[in-house]
Amino acid sequence: MRKFPAGRRPLPTSPFKTEPEAPRKHFAVGDRVTHDGYGLGRVISLEGDGEIAVLVDFGSRQERIPQPYTAMFKL
């Protein structure tokens, strides 16, 4: 997302709109997920209600995945 000088925001009707923000992904404990780098796993813990990071058990290892969850998808 583009940064704007303090106090200046683009108007909603501006023809120079920035790209829309992608919707945030939300996960819950117990959700089955797939990750592009680690494979299939299950969410075992949330950090900051999932707004900061999630801890995922991928079978052979546990990984802390921080926001944004671009490579992780809920099954």
Protein backbone atom coordinates (compact mmCIF):
# COMPACT_ATOMS: atom_id res chain seq x y z
CA MET A 1 0.00 0.00 0.00
CA ARG A 2 1.27 3.49 -0.82
CA LYS A 3 2.32 5.80 1.98
CA PHE A 4 0.96 9.32 1.97
CA PRO A 5 2.37 12.42 3.68
CA ALA A 6 0.96 13.09 7.15
CA GLY A 7 -2.55 14.51 6.96
CA ARG A 8 -3.07 13.66 3.28
CA ARG A 9 -5.27 10.79 2.23
CA PRO A 10 -6.63 9.97 -1.20
CA LEU A 11 -10.27 10.87 -1.70
CA PRO A 12 -12.69 7.99 -2.36
CA THR A 13 -13.60 9.59 -5.69
CA SER A 14 -9.98 10.11 -6.78
CA PRO A 15 -9.00 8.59 -10.14
CA PHE A 16 -5.59 7.81 -8.58
CA LYS A 17 -6.85 5.11 -6.26
CA THR A 18 -4.47 2.72 -4.59
CA GLU A 19 -5.02 -1.01 -4.98
CA PRO A 20 -7.62 -2.37 -2.56
CA GLU A 21 -6.40 -4.14 0.55
CA ALA A 22 -6.71 -7.91 0.43
CA PRO A 23 -9.06 -9.33 3.07
CA ARG A 24 -7.26 -10.57 6.17
CA LYS A 25 -7.10 -14.28 6.74
CA HIS A 26 -8.40 -15.53 10.08
CA PHE A 27 -7.51 -18.86 11.61
CA ALA A 28 -8.74 -20.67 14.74
CA VAL A 29 -7.14 -23.36 16.89
CA GLY A 30 -7.76 -26.72 15.24
CA ASP A 31 -8.06 -25.40 11.68
CA ARG A 32 -6.47 -27.60 9.02
CA VAL A 33 -4.21 -25.54 6.77
CA THR A 34 -1.84 -25.92 3.87
CA HIS A 35 1.34 -23.90 3.48
CA ASP A 36 3.26 -23.50 0.23
CA GLY A 37 6.59 -24.25 1.93
CA TYR A 38 5.71 -26.63 4.78
CA GLY A 39 2.72 -28.60 3.48
CA LEU A 40 -0.31 -29.75 5.47
CA GLY A 41 -0.71 -28.79 9.12
CA ARG A 42 -3.05 -27.92 11.97
CA VAL A 43 -3.20 -24.62 13.89
CA ILE A 44 -2.28 -25.30 17.53
CA SER A 45 -1.92 -21.77 18.94
CA LEU A 46 -2.78 -18.14 18.16
CA GLU A 47 -0.65 -15.16 19.04
CA GLY A 48 -2.72 -12.02 19.58
CA ASP A 49 -5.95 -13.78 18.50
CA GLY A 50 -4.29 -14.62 15.20
CA GLU A 51 -3.61 -10.98 14.34
CA ILE A 52 0.12 -11.34 14.99
CA ALA A 53 1.02 -14.97 14.22
CA VAL A 54 -0.14 -18.58 14.43
CA LEU A 55 1.73 -21.69 15.54
CA VAL A 56 1.15 -24.59 13.16
CA ASP A 57 2.01 -28.26 13.68
CA PHE A 58 3.18 -29.71 10.36
CA GLY A 59 3.79 -33.21 11.75
CA SER A 60 7.58 -33.30 11.73
CA ARG A 61 7.95 -29.70 12.95
CA GLN A 62 6.10 -26.76 14.45
CA GLU A 63 6.40 -23.36 12.79
CA ARG A 64 5.38 -19.87 13.86
CA ILE A 65 3.81 -18.19 10.82
CA PRO A 66 3.52 -14.37 11.13
CA GLN A 67 0.99 -12.08 9.41
CA PRO A 68 0.35 -11.71 6.49
CA TYR A 69 -0.43 -15.34 5.79
CA THR A 70 0.24 -15.10 2.06
CA ALA A 71 1.48 -18.68 1.66
CA MET A 72 -1.04 -20.33 4.02
CA PHE A 73 -4.61 -21.33 3.25
CA LYS A 74 -7.42 -22.85 5.29
CA LEU A 75 -8.73 -26.22 4.10
